[in-house]
PDB file of N, CA and C in Angstrom:
ATOM      1  N   MET A   1      13.651  16.464  -0.995  1.00  0.00           N
ATOM      2  CA  MET A   1      12.620  17.068  -0.183  1.00  0.00           C
ATOM      3  C   MET A   1      12.637  16.423   1.214  1.00  0.00           C
ATOM      4  N   ALA A   2      12.502  17.225   2.222  1.00  0.00           N
ATOM      5  CA  ALA A   2      12.602  16.753   3.607  1.00  0.00           C
ATOM      6  C   ALA A   2      11.504  15.759   3.957  1.00  0.00           C
ATOM      7  N   SER A   3      10.295  15.984   3.451  1.00  0.00           N
ATOM      8  CA  SER A   3       9.206  15.067   3.788  1.00  0.00           C
ATOM      9  C   SER A   3       9.443  13.689   3.188  1.00  0.00           C
ATOM     10  N   THR A   4      10.012  13.626   2.003  1.00  0.00           N
ATOM     11  CA  THR A   4      10.310  12.343   1.376  1.00  0.00           C
ATOM     12  C   THR A   4      11.332  11.567   2.197  1.00  0.00           C
ATOM     13  N   ALA A   5      12.359  12.247   2.669  1.00  0.00           N
ATOM     14  CA  ALA A   5      13.375  11.597   3.493  1.00  0.00           C
ATOM     15  C   ALA A   5      12.774  11.113   4.811  1.00  0.00           C
ATOM     16  N   ALA A   6      11.920  11.915   5.407  1.00  0.00           N
ATOM     17  CA  ALA A   6      11.285  11.521   6.666  1.00  0.00           C
ATOM     18  C   ALA A   6      10.403  10.294   6.471  1.00  0.00           C
ATOM     19  N   VAL A   7       9.637  10.284   5.390  1.00  0.00           N
ATOM     20  CA  VAL A   7       8.758   9.152   5.120  1.00  0.00           C
ATOM     21  C   VAL A   7       9.576   7.887   4.865  1.00  0.00           C
ATOM     22  N   LYS A   8      10.693   8.012   4.163  1.00  0.00           N
ATOM     23  CA  LYS A   8      11.568   6.852   3.942  1.00  0.00           C
ATOM     24  C   LYS A   8      12.086   6.317   5.275  1.00  0.00           C
ATOM     25  N   ALA A   9      12.467   7.209   6.170  1.00  0.00           N
ATOM     26  CA  ALA A   9      12.958   6.781   7.484  1.00  0.00           C
ATOM     27  C   ALA A   9      11.852   6.095   8.287  1.00  0.00           C
ATOM     28  N   TYR A  10      10.660   6.679   8.261  1.00  0.00           N
ATOM     29  CA  TYR A  10       9.525   6.065   8.950  1.00  0.00           C
ATOM     30  C   TYR A  10       9.200   4.698   8.342  1.00  0.00           C
ATOM     31  N   THR A  11       9.243   4.596   7.028  1.00  0.00           N
ATOM     32  CA  THR A  11       8.957   3.331   6.356  1.00  0.00           C
ATOM     33  C   THR A  11       9.954   2.258   6.780  1.00  0.00           C
ATOM     34  N   ALA A  12      11.208   2.620   6.848  1.00  0.00           N
ATOM     35  CA  ALA A  12      12.230   1.670   7.292  1.00  0.00           C
ATOM     36  C   ALA A  12      11.955   1.228   8.732  1.00  0.00           C
ATOM     37  N   ARG A  13      11.548   2.149   9.573  1.00  0.00           N
ATOM     38  CA  ARG A  13      11.247   1.816  10.969  1.00  0.00           C
ATOM     39  C   ARG A  13      10.031   0.895  11.057  1.00  0.00           C
ATOM     40  N   ILE A  14       9.013   1.180  10.249  1.00  0.00           N
ATOM     41  CA  ILE A  14       7.822   0.332  10.224  1.00  0.00           C
ATOM     42  C   ILE A  14       8.197  -1.081   9.813  1.00  0.00           C
ATOM     43  N   GLU A  15       9.006  -1.201   8.770  1.00  0.00           N
ATOM     44  CA  GLU A  15       9.430  -2.524   8.302  1.00  0.00           C
ATOM     45  C   GLU A  15      10.228  -3.264   9.375  1.00  0.00           C
ATOM     46  N   ALA A  16      11.077  -2.546  10.101  1.00  0.00           N
ATOM     47  CA  ALA A  16      11.859  -3.168  11.176  1.00  0.00           C
ATOM     48  C   ALA A  16      10.943  -3.656  12.302  1.00  0.00           C
ATOM     49  N   LEU A  17       9.955  -2.855  12.643  1.00  0.00           N
ATOM     50  CA  LEU A  17       9.006  -3.265  13.677  1.00  0.00           C
ATOM     51  C   LEU A  17       8.219  -4.491  13.234  1.00  0.00           C
ATOM     52  N   GLN A  18       7.797  -4.506  11.976  1.00  0.00           N
ATOM     53  CA  GLN A  18       7.066  -5.663  11.460  1.00  0.00           C
ATOM     54  C   GLN A  18       7.935  -6.919  11.502  1.00  0.00           C
ATOM     55  N   ALA A  19       9.179  -6.781  11.122  1.00  0.00           N
ATOM     56  CA  ALA A  19      10.099  -7.922  11.139  1.00  0.00           C
ATOM     57  C   ALA A  19      10.283  -8.469  12.549  1.00  0.00           C
ATOM     58  N   SER A  20      10.122  -7.612  13.533  1.00  0.00           N
ATOM     59  CA  SER A  20      10.246  -8.023  14.936  1.00  0.00           C
ATOM     60  C   SER A  20       8.921  -8.491  15.521  1.00  0.00           C
ATOM     61  N   GLY A  21       7.856  -8.464  14.709  1.00  0.00           N
ATOM     62  CA  GLY A  21       6.547  -8.880  15.196  1.00  0.00           C
ATOM     63  C   GLY A  21       5.808  -7.823  15.984  1.00  0.00           C
ATOM     64  N   LEU A  22       6.270  -6.604  15.929  1.00  0.00           N
ATOM     65  CA  LEU A  22       5.653  -5.503  16.681  1.00  0.00           C
ATOM     66  C   LEU A  22       4.682  -4.734  15.773  1.00  0.00           C
ATOM     67  N   HIS A  23       3.608  -5.411  15.416  1.00  0.00           N
ATOM     68  CA  HIS A  23       2.685  -4.864  14.426  1.00  0.00           C
ATOM     69  C   HIS A  23       1.844  -3.706  14.955  1.00  0.00           C
ATOM     70  N   ARG A  24       1.474  -3.743  16.197  1.00  0.00           N
ATOM     71  CA  ARG A  24       0.705  -2.618  16.750  1.00  0.00           C
ATOM     72  C   ARG A  24       1.556  -1.346  16.788  1.00  0.00           C
ATOM     73  N   GLU A  25       2.823  -1.507  17.116  1.00  0.00           N
ATOM     74  CA  GLU A  25       3.727  -0.361  17.125  1.00  0.00           C
ATOM     75  C   GLU A  25       3.925   0.168  15.706  1.00  0.00           C
ATOM     76  N   ALA A  26       4.025  -0.747  14.736  1.00  0.00           N
ATOM     77  CA  ALA A  26       4.151  -0.341  13.334  1.00  0.00           C
ATOM     78  C   ALA A  26       2.908   0.424  12.889  1.00  0.00           C
ATOM     79  N   GLN A  27       1.744  -0.022  13.336  1.00  0.00           N
ATOM     80  CA  GLN A  27       0.510   0.675  13.000  1.00  0.00           C
ATOM     81  C   GLN A  27       0.493   2.086  13.590  1.00  0.00           C
ATOM     82  N   ALA A  28       1.003   2.233  14.794  1.00  0.00           N
ATOM     83  CA  ALA A  28       1.032   3.547  15.438  1.00  0.00           C
ATOM     84  C   ALA A  28       1.915   4.511  14.649  1.00  0.00           C
ATOM     85  N   ILE A  29       3.068   4.033  14.201  1.00  0.00           N
ATOM     86  CA  ILE A  29       3.947   4.892  13.409  1.00  0.00           C
ATOM     87  C   ILE A  29       3.303   5.189  12.056  1.00  0.00           C
ATOM     88  N   GLY A  30       2.643   4.202  11.470  1.00  0.00           N
ATOM     89  CA  GLY A  30       1.943   4.429  10.209  1.00  0.00           C
ATOM     90  C   GLY A  30       0.864   5.487  10.334  1.00  0.00           C
ATOM     91  N   ALA A  31       0.140   5.466  11.434  1.00  0.00           N
ATOM     92  CA  ALA A  31      -0.892   6.487  11.673  1.00  0.00           C
ATOM     93  C   ALA A  31      -0.258   7.876  11.786  1.00  0.00           C
ATOM     94  N   LEU A  32       0.882   7.932  12.431  1.00  0.00           N
ATOM     95  CA  LEU A  32       1.613   9.196  12.545  1.00  0.00           C
ATOM     96  C   LEU A  32       2.025   9.713  11.163  1.00  0.00           C
ATOM     97  N   VAL A  33       2.531   8.819  10.316  1.00  0.00           N
ATOM     98  CA  VAL A  33       2.944   9.207   8.968  1.00  0.00           C
ATOM     99  C   VAL A  33       1.745   9.714   8.173  1.00  0.00           C
ATOM    100  N   ARG A  34       0.614   8.991   8.264  1.00  0.00           N
ATOM    101  CA  ARG A  34      -0.592   9.425   7.541  1.00  0.00           C
ATOM    102  C   ARG A  34      -1.055  10.805   8.004  1.00  0.00           C
ATOM    103  N   GLU A  35      -0.916  11.068   9.292  1.00  0.00           N
ATOM    104  CA  GLU A  35      -1.340  12.353   9.846  1.00  0.00           C
ATOM    105  C   GLU A  35      -0.393  13.484   9.453  1.00  0.00           C
ATOM    106  N   ARG A  36       0.898  13.250   9.586  1.00  0.00           N
ATOM    107  CA  ARG A  36       1.888  14.311   9.339  1.00  0.00           C
ATOM    108  C   ARG A  36       2.214  14.519   7.863  1.00  0.00           C
ATOM    109  N   PHE A  37       2.090  13.449   7.076  1.00  0.00           N
ATOM    110  CA  PHE A  37       2.471  13.510   5.654  1.00  0.00           C
ATOM    111  C   PHE A  37       1.361  12.928   4.778  1.00  0.00           C
ATOM    112  N   PRO A  38       0.215  13.583   4.730  1.00  0.00           N
ATOM    113  CA  PRO A  38      -0.917  13.030   3.980  1.00  0.00           C
ATOM    114  C   PRO A  38      -0.616  12.771   2.504  1.00  0.00           C
ATOM    115  N   ALA A  39       0.296  13.515   1.923  1.00  0.00           N
ATOM    116  CA  ALA A  39       0.641  13.314   0.510  1.00  0.00           C
ATOM    117  C   ALA A  39       1.383  11.992   0.288  1.00  0.00           C
ATOM    118  N   HIS A  40       1.868  11.382   1.358  1.00  0.00           N
ATOM    119  CA  HIS A  40       2.656  10.149   1.245  1.00  0.00           C
ATOM    120  C   HIS A  40       1.912   8.925   1.786  1.00  0.00           C
ATOM    121  N   GLN A  41       0.604   9.032   1.950  1.00  0.00           N
ATOM    122  CA  GLN A  41      -0.165   7.925   2.523  1.00  0.00           C
ATOM    123  C   GLN A  41      -0.008   6.630   1.737  1.00  0.00           C
ATOM    124  N   SER A  42       0.029   6.741   0.428  1.00  0.00           N
ATOM    125  CA  SER A  42       0.111   5.528  -0.394  1.00  0.00           C
ATOM    126  C   SER A  42       1.416   4.769  -0.159  1.00  0.00           C
ATOM    127  N   GLU A  43       2.450   5.458   0.278  1.00  0.00           N
ATOM    128  CA  GLU A  43       3.746   4.814   0.503  1.00  0.00           C
ATOM    129  C   GLU A  43       3.748   3.903   1.729  1.00  0.00           C
ATOM    130  N   VAL A  44       2.844   4.147   2.654  1.00  0.00           N
ATOM    131  CA  VAL A  44       2.785   3.302   3.850  1.00  0.00           C
ATOM    132  C   VAL A  44       1.520   2.449   3.892  1.00  0.00           C
ATOM    133  N   ALA A  45       0.626   2.613   2.929  1.00  0.00           N
ATOM    134  CA  ALA A  45      -0.652   1.894   2.955  1.00  0.00           C
ATOM    135  C   ALA A  45      -0.476   0.376   2.954  1.00  0.00           C
ATOM    136  N   VAL A  46       0.378  -0.142   2.097  1.00  0.00           N
ATOM    137  CA  VAL A  46       0.576  -1.598   2.032  1.00  0.00           C
ATOM    138  C   VAL A  46       1.175  -2.111   3.331  1.00  0.00           C
ATOM    139  N   LEU A  47       2.138  -1.378   3.874  1.00  0.00           N
ATOM    140  CA  LEU A  47       2.739  -1.790   5.146  1.00  0.00           C
ATOM    141  C   LEU A  47       1.700  -1.812   6.264  1.00  0.00           C
ATOM    142  N   MET A  48       0.802  -0.833   6.245  1.00  0.00           N
ATOM    143  CA  MET A  48      -0.223  -0.777   7.280  1.00  0.00           C
ATOM    144  C   MET A  48      -1.196  -1.940   7.151  1.00  0.00           C
ATOM    145  N   ARG A  49      -1.545  -2.281   5.931  1.00  0.00           N
ATOM    146  CA  ARG A  49      -2.428  -3.436   5.715  1.00  0.00           C
ATOM    147  C   ARG A  49      -1.770  -4.705   6.246  1.00  0.00           C
ATOM    148  N   GLN A  50      -0.483  -4.859   5.973  1.00  0.00           N
ATOM    149  CA  GLN A  50       0.228  -6.046   6.447  1.00  0.00           C
ATOM    150  C   GLN A  50       0.203  -6.124   7.968  1.00  0.00           C
ATOM    151  N   SER A  51       0.417  -5.000   8.626  1.00  0.00           N
ATOM    152  CA  SER A  51       0.398  -4.988  10.091  1.00  0.00           C
ATOM    153  C   SER A  51      -0.999  -5.244  10.626  1.00  0.00           C
ATOM    154  N   GLU A  52      -2.013  -4.698   9.966  1.00  0.00           N
ATOM    155  CA  GLU A  52      -3.388  -4.936  10.393  1.00  0.00           C
ATOM    156  C   GLU A  52      -3.711  -6.425  10.344  1.00  0.00           C
ATOM    157  N   VAL A  53      -3.347  -7.067   9.248  1.00  0.00           N
ATOM    158  CA  VAL A  53      -3.622  -8.497   9.093  1.00  0.00           C
ATOM    159  C   VAL A  53      -2.849  -9.296  10.137  1.00  0.00           C
ATOM    160  N   ALA A  54      -1.565  -9.007  10.285  1.00  0.00           N
ATOM    161  CA  ALA A  54      -0.747  -9.735  11.252  1.00  0.00           C
ATOM    162  C   ALA A  54      -1.248  -9.552  12.679  1.00  0.00           C
ATOM    163  N   ALA A  55      -1.830  -8.387  12.961  1.00  0.00           N
ATOM    164  CA  ALA A  55      -2.367  -8.128  14.295  1.00  0.00           C
ATOM    165  C   ALA A  55      -3.776  -8.704  14.461  1.00  0.00           C
ATOM    166  N   GLY A  56      -4.323  -9.285  13.384  1.00  0.00           N
ATOM    167  CA  GLY A  56      -5.646  -9.895  13.465  1.00  0.00           C
ATOM    168  C   GLY A  56      -6.789  -8.963  13.119  1.00  0.00           C
ATOM    169  N   ASN A  57      -6.497  -7.779  12.649  1.00  0.00           N
ATOM    170  CA  ASN A  57      -7.525  -6.803  12.280  1.00  0.00           C
ATOM    171  C   ASN A  57      -7.838  -6.942  10.791  1.00  0.00           C
ATOM    172  N   VAL A  58      -8.701  -7.887  10.461  1.00  0.00           N
ATOM    173  CA  VAL A  58      -8.946  -8.191   9.054  1.00  0.00           C
ATOM    174  C   VAL A  58     -10.335  -7.801   8.557  1.00  0.00           C
ATOM    175  N   ASP A  59     -11.209  -7.336   9.412  1.00  0.00           N
ATOM    176  CA  ASP A  59     -12.584  -7.075   8.994  1.00  0.00           C
ATOM    177  C   ASP A  59     -12.696  -6.065   7.856  1.00  0.00           C
ATOM    178  N   ALA A  60     -11.959  -4.969   7.935  1.00  0.00           N
ATOM    179  CA  ALA A  60     -12.037  -3.968   6.863  1.00  0.00           C
ATOM    180  C   ALA A  60     -11.519  -4.539   5.549  1.00  0.00           C
ATOM    181  N   LEU A  61     -10.452  -5.300   5.619  1.00  0.00           N
ATOM    182  CA  LEU A  61      -9.892  -5.918   4.423  1.00  0.00           C
ATOM    183  C   LEU A  61     -10.868  -6.945   3.843  1.00  0.00           C
ATOM    184  N   LEU A  62     -11.495  -7.739   4.685  1.00  0.00           N
ATOM    185  CA  LEU A  62     -12.445  -8.740   4.202  1.00  0.00           C
ATOM    186  C   LEU A  62     -13.690  -8.088   3.610  1.00  0.00           C
ATOM    187  N   ALA A  63     -14.137  -7.003   4.205  1.00  0.00           N
ATOM    188  CA  ALA A  63     -15.292  -6.285   3.649  1.00  0.00           C
ATOM    189  C   ALA A  63     -14.976  -5.785   2.246  1.00  0.00           C
ATOM    190  N   GLU A  64     -13.776  -5.289   2.060  1.00  0.00           N
ATOM    191  CA  GLU A  64     -13.365  -4.838   0.736  1.00  0.00           C
ATOM    192  C   GLU A  64     -13.231  -6.028  -0.218  1.00  0.00           C
ATOM    193  N   LEU A  65     -12.736  -7.135   0.267  1.00  0.00           N
ATOM    194  CA  LEU A  65     -12.542  -8.326  -0.551  1.00  0.00           C
ATOM    195  C   LEU A  65     -13.858  -8.827  -1.154  1.00  0.00           C
ATOM    196  N   VAL A  66     -14.922  -8.766  -0.375  1.00  0.00           N
ATOM    197  CA  VAL A  66     -16.214  -9.278  -0.816  1.00  0.00           C
ATOM    198  C   VAL A  66     -16.701  -8.581  -2.088  1.00  0.00           C
ATOM    199  N   THR A  67     -16.408  -7.295  -2.222  1.00  0.00           N
ATOM    200  CA  THR A  67     -16.923  -6.538  -3.371  1.00  0.00           C
ATOM    201  C   THR A  67     -15.855  -6.143  -4.384  1.00  0.00           C
ATOM    202  N   ALA A  68     -14.626  -6.578  -4.168  1.00  0.00           N
ATOM    203  CA  ALA A  68     -13.514  -6.147  -5.018  1.00  0.00           C
ATOM    204  C   ALA A  68     -13.580  -6.769  -6.412  1.00  0.00           C
ATOM    205  N   ASP A  69     -13.050  -6.026  -7.385  1.00  0.00           N
ATOM    206  CA  ASP A  69     -12.898  -6.597  -8.726  1.00  0.00           C
ATOM    207  C   ASP A  69     -11.733  -7.591  -8.684  1.00  0.00           C
ATOM    208  N   ALA A  70     -11.535  -8.324  -9.762  1.00  0.00           N
ATOM    209  CA  ALA A  70     -10.553  -9.408  -9.775  1.00  0.00           C
ATOM    210  C   ALA A  70      -9.139  -8.940  -9.448  1.00  0.00           C
ATOM    211  N   THR A  71      -8.733  -7.813  -9.986  1.00  0.00           N
ATOM    212  CA  THR A  71      -7.377  -7.311  -9.742  1.00  0.00           C
ATOM    213  C   THR A  71      -7.184  -6.944  -8.275  1.00  0.00           C
ATOM    214  N   ARG A  72      -8.118  -6.193  -7.737  1.00  0.00           N
ATOM    215  CA  ARG A  72      -8.012  -5.777  -6.334  1.00  0.00           C
ATOM    216  C   ARG A  72      -8.148  -6.976  -5.402  1.00  0.00           C
ATOM    217  N   ARG A  73      -9.022  -7.917  -5.760  1.00  0.00           N
ATOM    218  CA  ARG A  73      -9.201  -9.118  -4.935  1.00  0.00           C
ATOM    219  C   ARG A  73      -7.880  -9.876  -4.827  1.00  0.00           C
ATOM    220  N   ARG A  74      -7.151  -9.989  -5.935  1.00  0.00           N
ATOM    221  CA  ARG A  74      -5.861 -10.688  -5.914  1.00  0.00           C
ATOM    222  C   ARG A  74      -4.871  -9.953  -5.008  1.00  0.00           C
ATOM    223  N   GLU A  75      -4.855  -8.632  -5.056  1.00  0.00           N
ATOM    224  CA  GLU A  75      -3.975  -7.846  -4.182  1.00  0.00           C
ATOM    225  C   GLU A  75      -4.309  -8.120  -2.715  1.00  0.00           C
ATOM    226  N   LEU A  76      -5.588  -8.148  -2.410  1.00  0.00           N
ATOM    227  CA  LEU A  76      -6.018  -8.389  -1.031  1.00  0.00           C
ATOM    228  C   LEU A  76      -5.682  -9.815  -0.591  1.00  0.00           C
ATOM    229  N   GLU A  77      -5.818 -10.763  -1.508  1.00  0.00           N
ATOM    230  CA  GLU A  77      -5.461 -12.146  -1.194  1.00  0.00           C
ATOM    231  C   GLU A  77      -3.977 -12.272  -0.865  1.00  0.00           C
ATOM    232  N   VAL A  78      -3.145 -11.555  -1.601  1.00  0.00           N
ATOM    233  CA  VAL A  78      -1.707 -11.586  -1.343  1.00  0.00           C
ATOM    234  C   VAL A  78      -1.413 -11.042   0.052  1.00  0.00           C
ATOM    235  N   ILE A  79      -2.090  -9.968   0.420  1.00  0.00           N
ATOM    236  CA  ILE A  79      -1.911  -9.404   1.760  1.00  0.00           C
ATOM    237  C   ILE A  79      -2.337 -10.420   2.815  1.00  0.00           C
ATOM    238  N   LEU A  80      -3.480 -11.058   2.607  1.00  0.00           N
ATOM    239  CA  LEU A  80      -3.955 -12.065   3.558  1.00  0.00           C
ATOM    240  C   LEU A  80      -2.984 -13.240   3.649  1.00  0.00           C
ATOM    241  N   ALA A  81      -2.577 -13.754   2.510  1.00  0.00           N
ATOM    242  CA  ALA A  81      -1.692 -14.920   2.499  1.00  0.00           C
ATOM    243  C   ALA A  81      -0.356 -14.618   3.163  1.00  0.00           C
ATOM    244  N   GLY A  82       0.109 -13.391   3.018  1.00  0.00           N
ATOM    245  CA  GLY A  82       1.401 -13.029   3.590  1.00  0.00           C
ATOM    246  C   GLY A  82       1.366 -12.700   5.061  1.00  0.00           C
ATOM    247  N   GLY A  83       0.206 -12.373   5.595  1.00  0.00           N
ATOM    248  CA  GLY A  83       0.185 -11.911   6.965  1.00  0.00           C
ATOM    249  C   GLY A  83      -0.702 -12.668   7.925  1.00  0.00           C
ATOM    250  N   LEU A  84      -1.659 -13.405   7.418  1.00  0.00           N
ATOM    251  CA  LEU A  84      -2.601 -14.087   8.300  1.00  0.00           C
ATOM    252  C   LEU A  84      -2.078 -15.469   8.640  1.00  0.00           C
ATOM    253  N   SER A  85      -1.815 -15.714   9.900  1.00  0.00           N
ATOM    254  CA  SER A  85      -1.244 -17.002  10.300  1.00  0.00           C
ATOM    255  C   SER A  85      -2.307 -18.006  10.720  1.00  0.00           C
ATOM    256  N   ASP A  86      -3.517 -17.549  10.988  1.00  0.00           N
ATOM    257  CA  ASP A  86      -4.569 -18.450  11.441  1.00  0.00           C
ATOM    258  C   ASP A  86      -5.785 -18.334  10.525  1.00  0.00           C
ATOM    259  N   PRO A  87      -5.947 -19.268   9.595  1.00  0.00           N
ATOM    260  CA  PRO A  87      -7.073 -19.216   8.665  1.00  0.00           C
ATOM    261  C   PRO A  87      -8.434 -19.316   9.346  1.00  0.00           C
ATOM    262  N   ALA A  88      -8.461 -19.779  10.588  1.00  0.00           N
ATOM    263  CA  ALA A  88      -9.728 -19.843  11.313  1.00  0.00           C
ATOM    264  C   ALA A  88     -10.350 -18.453  11.448  1.00  0.00           C
ATOM    265  N   VAL A  89      -9.524 -17.422  11.407  1.00  0.00           N
ATOM    266  CA  VAL A  89     -10.027 -16.050  11.456  1.00  0.00           C
ATOM    267  C   VAL A  89     -10.993 -15.823  10.297  1.00  0.00           C
ATOM    268  N   LEU A  90     -10.664 -16.383   9.139  1.00  0.00           N
ATOM    269  CA  LEU A  90     -11.540 -16.242   7.977  1.00  0.00           C
ATOM    270  C   LEU A  90     -12.836 -17.023   8.180  1.00  0.00           C
ATOM    271  N   ALA A  91     -12.712 -18.242   8.654  1.00  0.00           N
ATOM    272  CA  ALA A  91     -13.884 -19.085   8.842  1.00  0.00           C
ATOM    273  C   ALA A  91     -14.845 -18.497   9.863  1.00  0.00           C
ATOM    274  N   GLU A  92     -14.303 -17.796  10.837  1.00  0.00           N
ATOM    275  CA  GLU A  92     -15.125 -17.228  11.909  1.00  0.00           C
ATOM    276  C   GLU A  92     -15.550 -15.793  11.647  1.00  0.00           C
ATOM    277  N   SER A  93     -15.122 -15.225  10.546  1.00  0.00           N
ATOM    278  CA  SER A  93     -15.403 -13.817  10.275  1.00  0.00           C
ATOM    279  C   SER A  93     -16.884 -13.560  10.023  1.00  0.00           C
ATOM    280  N   PRO A  94     -17.454 -12.599  10.750  1.00  0.00           N
ATOM    281  CA  PRO A  94     -18.848 -12.229  10.482  1.00  0.00           C
ATOM    282  C   PRO A  94     -18.975 -11.367   9.218  1.00  0.00           C
ATOM    283  N   VAL A  95     -17.852 -10.899   8.704  1.00  0.00           N
ATOM    284  CA  VAL A  95     -17.862 -10.027   7.530  1.00  0.00           C
ATOM    285  C   VAL A  95     -18.093 -10.820   6.251  1.00  0.00           C
ATOM    286  N   LEU A  96     -17.483 -11.999   6.168  1.00  0.00           N
ATOM    287  CA  LEU A  96     -17.642 -12.830   4.969  1.00  0.00           C
ATOM    288  C   LEU A  96     -18.990 -13.544   4.999  1.00  0.00           C
ATOM    289  N   PRO A  97     -19.672 -13.592   3.863  1.00  0.00           N
ATOM    290  CA  PRO A  97     -20.925 -14.356   3.802  1.00  0.00           C
ATOM    291  C   PRO A  97     -20.663 -15.837   4.104  1.00  0.00           C
ATOM    292  N   ALA A  98     -21.650 -16.528   4.604  1.00  0.00           N
ATOM    293  CA  ALA A  98     -21.490 -17.925   4.998  1.00  0.00           C
ATOM    294  C   ALA A  98     -21.014 -18.814   3.850  1.00  0.00           C
ATOM    295  N   ASP A  99     -21.391 -18.478   2.621  1.00  0.00           N
ATOM    296  CA  ASP A  99     -21.026 -19.315   1.480  1.00  0.00           C
ATOM    297  C   ASP A  99     -19.764 -18.840   0.760  1.00  0.00           C
ATOM    298  N   HIS A 100     -19.043 -17.905   1.359  1.00  0.00           N
ATOM    299  CA  HIS A 100     -17.832 -17.381   0.714  1.00  0.00           C
ATOM    300  C   HIS A 100     -16.759 -18.471   0.679  1.00  0.00           C
ATOM    301  N   PRO A 101     -16.034 -18.598  -0.447  1.00  0.00           N
ATOM    302  CA  PRO A 101     -15.006 -19.651  -0.568  1.00  0.00           C
ATOM    303  C   PRO A 101     -13.929 -19.608   0.511  1.00  0.00           C
ATOM    304  N   LEU A 102     -13.605 -18.436   1.026  1.00  0.00           N
ATOM    305  CA  LEU A 102     -12.562 -18.359   2.055  1.00  0.00           C
ATOM    306  C   LEU A 102     -13.014 -18.918   3.402  1.00  0.00           C
ATOM    307  N   LYS A 103     -14.291 -19.177   3.556  1.00  0.00           N
ATOM    308  CA  LYS A 103     -14.761 -19.783   4.798  1.00  0.00           C
ATOM    309  C   LYS A 103     -14.563 -21.291   4.797  1.00  0.00           C
ATOM    310  N   ARG A 104     -14.155 -21.842   3.669  1.00  0.00           N
ATOM    311  CA  ARG A 104     -13.968 -23.287   3.558  1.00  0.00           C
ATOM    312  C   ARG A 104     -12.513 -23.662   3.773  1.00  0.00           C
ATOM    313  N   TYR A 105     -12.043 -23.552   4.990  1.00  0.00           N
ATOM    314  CA  TYR A 105     -10.667 -23.928   5.325  1.00  0.00           C
ATOM    315  C   TYR A 105     -10.539 -25.447   5.260  1.00  0.00           C
ATOM    316  N   VAL A 106      -9.510 -25.925   4.549  1.00  0.00           N
ATOM    317  CA  VAL A 106      -9.390 -27.367   4.343  1.00  0.00           C
ATOM    318  C   VAL A 106      -8.183 -28.017   5.019  1.00  0.00           C
ATOM    319  N   GLY A 107      -7.366 -27.266   5.710  1.00  0.00           N
ATOM    320  CA  GLY A 107      -6.237 -27.873   6.399  1.00  0.00           C
ATOM    321  C   GLY A 107      -4.991 -27.026   6.291  1.00  0.00           C
ATOM    322  N   PRO A 108      -3.892 -27.473   6.888  1.00  0.00           N
ATOM    323  CA  PRO A 108      -2.664 -26.694   6.894  1.00  0.00           C
ATOM    324  C   PRO A 108      -2.024 -26.631   5.507  1.00  0.00           C
ATOM    325  N   GLY A 109      -1.106 -25.723   5.372  1.00  0.00           N
ATOM    326  CA  GLY A 109      -0.400 -25.575   4.102  1.00  0.00           C
ATOM    327  C   GLY A 109      -0.697 -24.237   3.466  1.00  0.00           C
ATOM    328  N   PRO A 110      -0.488 -24.147   2.178  1.00  0.00           N
ATOM    329  CA  PRO A 110      -0.747 -22.872   1.500  1.00  0.00           C
ATOM    330  C   PRO A 110      -2.252 -22.671   1.368  1.00  0.00           C
ATOM    331  N   TRP A 111      -2.903 -22.435   2.493  1.00  0.00           N
ATOM    332  CA  TRP A 111      -4.351 -22.462   2.619  1.00  0.00           C
ATOM    333  C   TRP A 111      -5.089 -21.522   1.689  1.00  0.00           C
ATOM    334  N   LEU A 112      -4.581 -20.340   1.463  1.00  0.00           N
ATOM    335  CA  LEU A 112      -5.334 -19.397   0.642  1.00  0.00           C
ATOM    336  C   LEU A 112      -5.450 -19.910  -0.787  1.00  0.00           C
ATOM    337  N   HIS A 113      -4.392 -20.483  -1.285  1.00  0.00           N
ATOM    338  CA  HIS A 113      -4.409 -20.956  -2.661  1.00  0.00           C
ATOM    339  C   HIS A 113      -5.263 -22.209  -2.800  1.00  0.00           C
ATOM    340  N   VAL A 114      -5.436 -22.945  -1.731  1.00  0.00           N
ATOM    341  CA  VAL A 114      -6.238 -24.164  -1.759  1.00  0.00           C
ATOM    342  C   VAL A 114      -7.729 -23.831  -1.726  1.00  0.00           C
ATOM    343  N   VAL A 115      -8.115 -22.881  -0.883  1.00  0.00           N
ATOM    344  CA  VAL A 115      -9.542 -22.643  -0.693  1.00  0.00           C
ATOM    345  C   VAL A 115     -10.130 -21.615  -1.642  1.00  0.00           C
ATOM    346  N   TRP A 116      -9.314 -20.794  -2.236  1.00  0.00           N
ATOM    347  CA  TRP A 116      -9.858 -19.739  -3.080  1.00  0.00           C
ATOM    348  C   TRP A 116     -10.273 -20.295  -4.428  1.00  0.00           C
ATOM    349  N   GLU A 117     -11.507 -20.083  -4.764  1.00  0.00           N
ATOM    350  CA  GLU A 117     -12.028 -20.472  -6.068  1.00  0.00           C
ATOM    351  C   GLU A 117     -12.358 -19.195  -6.821  1.00  0.00           C
ATOM    352  N   PRO A 118     -11.667 -18.928  -7.927  1.00  0.00           N
ATOM    353  CA  PRO A 118     -11.923 -17.686  -8.666  1.00  0.00           C
ATOM    354  C   PRO A 118     -13.368 -17.586  -9.100  1.00  0.00           C
ATOM    355  N   ARG A 119     -13.887 -16.368  -9.075  1.00  0.00           N
ATOM    356  CA  ARG A 119     -15.250 -16.117  -9.559  1.00  0.00           C
ATOM    357  C   ARG A 119     -15.262 -16.258 -11.071  1.00  0.00           C
ATOM    358  N   ARG A 120     -16.339 -16.713 -11.567  1.00  0.00           N
ATOM    359  CA  ARG A 120     -16.479 -16.861 -13.027  1.00  0.00           C
ATOM    360  C   ARG A 120     -17.442 -15.848 -13.573  1.00  0.00           C
TER     361      ARG A 120
END
């Protein structure tokens, strides 16, 4: 199907842009794919989340994180850990409640795994 081939080509281009650090450009192409090929939105959704995080646009993701179930929360954490280079963004986020575990940044390193305390 022609749309599948086009989406694969766009996906490859998005990944190349991300690898080059051109996350805003990747987001623009992702928006184009969502508009032109709505049936294929799920194929670019993860890539778009990665670009949003890398570009510093984390508020929507953090809002979802606050209310997510355990499975979805882990997916969101993986996206954050893979794309967020400055944990201070979490500490300064107005979206996260003041007592949220991700606001407790403790130092450099694998920060997400250090500060995240699973809900009981």
